[in-house]
Amino acid sequence: MPTIILSAHPARRYERESLTGTQIEYGQKVVPSVCIEARTVPEIAEQARAFGASVFTAAPRVSFLLSVQVARGERKPRGFDVADRAGHFHDADWIHTEVESPVGHVDGPGVRMWGSRFAPFQMDGQEPFWPGAEPDDFTSPADGSVGLYGYLRAINARVQRCTDSWQSLPSLAHEVPLHDRYGARVHPFDVAAELLARRLSPTVIAA
């Protein structure tokens, strides 16, 4: 049974106009590498995902690339290279992607990081939004997505500023699919304006 080496290297991805690149610190490791044994690509993928999740738990705010390598001298399982190139080993799931030159909004900053399930949302010039230790109003609608959680927080902050109140996003009635707005990269300020314009009766966040 082939021995597979799993490693997590600090890394960041950047978006620059039409170019996307990744910087990886192969000489550094977020946690010590581990060796697993697996016969098939699906087995490797599952154990790689579990390893990545354990790294994320140990270092939740670190951007890293997951490296999956077959030990020297051992034969690769069938389909290994194809799966590796296709990202089936979850190698980039935990990388933070930064927009190097965010386009500003007419009313404020642009978005520096849109985030993902394991990466945070960040407005340009501000700290990233991270979930707290305890659940809050945005935990459930975010459904485990760190990026969506921060997006909802950013919308909420804008709503509060526009209304000059402590009004919370869940108190706004809406049928606006916020998850779709997030996926389409609609600026939080525009979503806040849409919600305030609707002024529907209170319901649950549609994420």
Protein backbone atom coordinates (compact mmCIF):
# COMPACT_ATOMS: atom_id res chain seq x y z
CA MET A 1 0.00 0.00 0.00
CA PRO A 2 1.54 3.36 -1.03
CA THR A 3 2.68 5.78 1.65
CA ILE A 4 1.37 9.32 1.12
CA ILE A 5 2.95 12.37 2.75
CA LEU A 6 0.58 15.21 3.69
CA SER A 7 2.01 18.66 4.42
CA ALA A 8 0.59 22.14 4.97
CA HIS A 9 2.70 25.06 3.72
CA PRO A 10 1.96 28.75 4.39
CA ALA A 11 0.64 30.25 1.14
CA ARG A 12 -1.43 33.08 -0.28
CA ARG A 13 -3.23 33.56 -3.55
CA TYR A 14 -3.58 36.93 -5.23
CA GLU A 15 -5.76 38.40 -7.93
CA ARG A 16 -4.10 41.05 -10.06
CA GLU A 17 -6.25 42.37 -12.92
CA SER A 18 -6.73 39.28 -15.10
CA LEU A 19 -3.90 37.37 -13.43
CA THR A 20 -4.15 34.99 -10.49
CA GLY A 21 -1.04 33.61 -8.79
CA THR A 22 -0.05 31.73 -5.67
CA GLN A 23 2.91 32.29 -3.36
CA ILE A 24 3.93 29.19 -1.40
CA GLU A 25 6.52 28.86 1.36
CA TYR A 26 7.60 25.29 0.72
CA GLY A 27 10.40 25.61 3.28
CA GLN A 28 7.89 26.21 6.06
CA LYS A 29 5.15 24.03 7.54
CA VAL A 30 2.12 25.09 9.52
CA VAL A 31 2.15 21.76 11.39
CA PRO A 32 4.39 18.69 11.07
CA SER A 33 3.74 16.51 8.01
CA VAL A 34 1.95 13.21 8.43
CA CYS A 35 2.23 9.93 6.55
CA ILE A 36 -0.83 7.92 5.58
CA GLU A 37 -1.41 4.74 3.63
CA ALA A 38 -4.04 4.60 0.89
CA ARG A 39 -4.66 2.44 -2.16
CA THR A 40 -7.05 4.63 -4.11
CA VAL A 41 -7.50 8.26 -5.06
CA PRO A 42 -10.80 8.61 -3.11
CA GLU A 43 -9.05 7.30 0.03
CA ILE A 44 -6.27 9.83 -0.40
CA ALA A 45 -8.75 12.66 -0.99
CA GLU A 46 -10.70 11.82 2.16
CA GLN A 47 -7.62 11.62 4.36
CA ALA A 48 -6.19 14.81 2.81
CA ARG A 49 -9.47 16.62 3.59
CA ALA A 50 -9.35 15.36 7.18
CA PHE A 51 -5.73 16.47 7.54
CA GLY A 52 -6.54 19.91 6.15
CA ALA A 53 -9.44 20.22 8.58
CA SER A 54 -7.14 19.34 11.48
CA VAL A 55 -4.63 22.01 10.38
CA PHE A 56 -7.45 24.54 10.13
CA THR A 57 -8.51 23.65 13.68
CA ALA A 58 -4.95 23.99 14.98
CA ALA A 59 -4.26 27.24 13.08
CA PRO A 60 -7.67 28.64 12.05
CA ARG A 61 -6.44 31.98 10.72
CA VAL A 62 -3.47 30.73 8.69
CA SER A 63 -3.60 30.61 4.91
CA PHE A 64 -2.01 27.39 3.69
CA LEU A 65 -1.62 25.04 0.75
CA LEU A 66 -2.06 21.31 1.25
CA SER A 67 0.66 19.21 -0.36
CA VAL A 68 -0.02 15.54 -1.19
CA GLN A 69 3.01 13.49 -2.26
CA VAL A 70 3.72 9.81 -2.76
CA ALA A 71 6.76 8.66 -0.80
CA ARG A 72 9.90 8.33 -2.88
CA GLY A 73 10.30 4.96 -4.56
CA GLU A 74 6.63 4.00 -4.23
CA ARG A 75 4.13 3.65 -7.05
CA LYS A 76 1.38 6.22 -7.41
CA PRO A 77 -2.21 4.95 -7.24
CA ARG A 78 -4.04 4.94 -10.55
CA GLY A 79 -5.38 8.40 -11.42
CA PHE A 80 -3.24 10.19 -8.82
CA ASP A 81 -1.75 12.82 -11.14
CA VAL A 82 -5.08 13.60 -12.81
CA ALA A 83 -6.80 14.00 -9.43
CA ASP A 84 -3.96 16.14 -8.13
CA ARG A 85 -4.12 18.53 -11.10
CA ALA A 86 -7.90 18.74 -10.79
CA GLY A 87 -7.68 19.75 -7.12
CA HIS A 88 -9.46 16.64 -5.86
CA PHE A 89 -7.08 16.46 -2.89
CA HIS A 90 -8.44 19.76 -1.48
CA ASP A 91 -5.00 21.36 -1.74
CA ALA A 92 -6.29 24.95 -2.15
CA ASP A 93 -9.36 24.81 0.12
CA TRP A 94 -7.66 26.77 2.91
CA ILE A 95 -5.79 29.42 0.91
CA HIS A 96 -6.76 33.07 1.38
CA THR A 97 -7.14 34.93 -1.92
CA GLU A 98 -6.42 38.68 -1.88
CA VAL A 99 -7.46 41.23 -4.49
CA GLU A 100 -4.25 43.25 -4.73
CA SER A 101 -5.88 46.44 -6.03
CA PRO A 102 -9.52 46.41 -4.88
CA VAL A 103 -11.88 48.66 -6.83
CA GLY A 104 -13.38 51.12 -4.39
CA HIS A 105 -17.11 51.54 -3.92
CA VAL A 106 -18.65 54.96 -4.55
CA ASP A 107 -19.49 55.10 -0.82
CA GLY A 108 -16.38 53.50 0.62
CA PRO A 109 -13.70 50.81 0.33
CA GLY A 110 -13.64 47.91 -2.03
CA VAL A 111 -13.30 44.25 -1.06
CA ARG A 112 -9.81 42.95 -0.31
CA MET A 113 -10.81 39.28 0.24
CA TRP A 114 -14.10 37.64 -0.67
CA GLY A 115 -13.14 34.57 1.30
CA SER A 116 -14.48 31.03 1.01
CA ARG A 117 -15.75 28.28 3.28
CA PHE A 118 -12.44 28.36 5.20
CA ALA A 119 -11.14 31.86 4.38
CA PRO A 120 -12.41 35.20 5.72
CA PHE A 121 -14.14 38.14 4.08
CA GLN A 122 -12.25 41.43 4.31
CA MET A 123 -12.96 45.03 3.31
CA ASP A 124 -9.99 46.98 2.02
CA GLY A 125 -8.12 48.72 4.85
CA GLN A 126 -9.98 46.80 7.56
CA GLU A 127 -9.36 43.62 9.53
CA PRO A 128 -10.89 40.38 8.18
CA PHE A 129 -14.18 39.22 9.71
CA TRP A 130 -13.73 36.00 11.69
CA PRO A 131 -16.42 34.06 13.57
CA GLY A 132 -16.14 34.36 17.34
CA ALA A 133 -15.85 31.53 19.81
CA GLU A 134 -19.59 31.71 20.53
CA PRO A 135 -22.40 31.54 17.93
CA ASP A 136 -24.14 34.81 17.04
CA ASP A 137 -26.89 36.04 14.70
CA PHE A 138 -24.78 35.29 11.63
CA THR A 139 -23.51 31.81 12.52
CA SER A 140 -26.56 29.86 11.41
CA PRO A 141 -27.22 31.67 8.09
CA ALA A 142 -23.53 31.41 7.22
CA ASP A 143 -23.90 27.61 7.42
CA GLY A 144 -20.25 26.99 8.27
CA SER A 145 -18.79 29.33 5.63
CA VAL A 146 -16.21 31.71 7.12
CA GLY A 147 -16.39 33.95 4.05
CA LEU A 148 -20.18 34.20 4.01
CA TYR A 149 -20.16 34.89 7.75
CA GLY A 150 -17.91 37.91 7.23
CA TYR A 151 -19.98 39.08 4.27
CA LEU A 152 -23.12 39.11 6.43
CA ARG A 153 -21.26 41.00 9.14
CA ALA A 154 -20.13 43.59 6.59
CA ILE A 155 -23.69 44.07 5.34
CA ASN A 156 -24.91 44.39 8.92
CA ALA A 157 -22.29 47.04 9.72
CA ARG A 158 -23.38 49.03 6.68
CA VAL A 159 -27.05 48.77 7.64
CA GLN A 160 -26.28 50.06 11.12
CA ARG A 161 -24.29 52.97 9.76
CA CYS A 162 -26.97 53.94 7.25
CA THR A 163 -29.73 53.80 9.87
CA ASP A 164 -27.56 55.27 12.65
CA SER A 165 -28.85 52.54 14.93
CA TRP A 166 -28.05 49.15 16.38
CA GLN A 167 -30.52 47.57 13.99
CA SER A 168 -29.37 44.03 13.21
CA LEU A 169 -29.51 42.36 9.81
CA PRO A 170 -31.91 39.63 11.05
CA SER A 171 -34.39 42.36 12.00
CA LEU A 172 -34.76 43.39 8.36
CA ALA A 173 -37.49 41.56 6.49
CA HIS A 174 -36.18 40.33 3.20
CA GLU A 175 -36.41 37.71 0.56
CA VAL A 176 -33.04 38.70 -0.81
CA PRO A 177 -30.91 35.55 -1.35
CA LEU A 178 -27.75 36.73 0.40
CA HIS A 179 -25.89 33.54 -0.43
CA ASP A 180 -26.44 34.28 -4.13
CA ARG A 181 -25.33 37.89 -3.69
CA TYR A 182 -22.17 36.63 -2.02
CA GLY A 183 -21.50 34.14 -4.81
CA ALA A 184 -21.97 36.89 -7.38
CA ARG A 185 -19.58 39.18 -5.48
CA VAL A 186 -22.12 41.95 -4.97
CA HIS A 187 -20.57 44.62 -2.74
CA PRO A 188 -22.00 44.60 0.83
CA PHE A 189 -22.94 48.29 0.52
CA ASP A 190 -25.15 47.52 -2.48
CA VAL A 191 -26.83 44.63 -0.68
CA ALA A 192 -27.44 46.82 2.38
CA ALA A 193 -29.03 49.47 0.18
CA GLU A 194 -31.24 46.83 -1.43
CA LEU A 195 -32.37 45.50 1.95
CA LEU A 196 -33.13 48.94 3.33
CA ALA A 197 -35.09 49.83 0.21
CA ARG A 198 -37.31 46.80 0.52
CA ARG A 199 -38.31 47.33 4.15
CA LEU A 200 -40.26 44.07 4.30
CA SER A 201 -41.73 42.51 7.44
CA PRO A 202 -39.19 40.65 9.65
CA THR A 203 -38.26 37.16 8.60
CA VAL A 204 -35.24 34.91 8.74
CA ILE A 205 -32.06 35.68 6.79
CA ALA A 206 -32.23 34.05 3.39
CA ALA A 207 -28.68 32.79 3.06
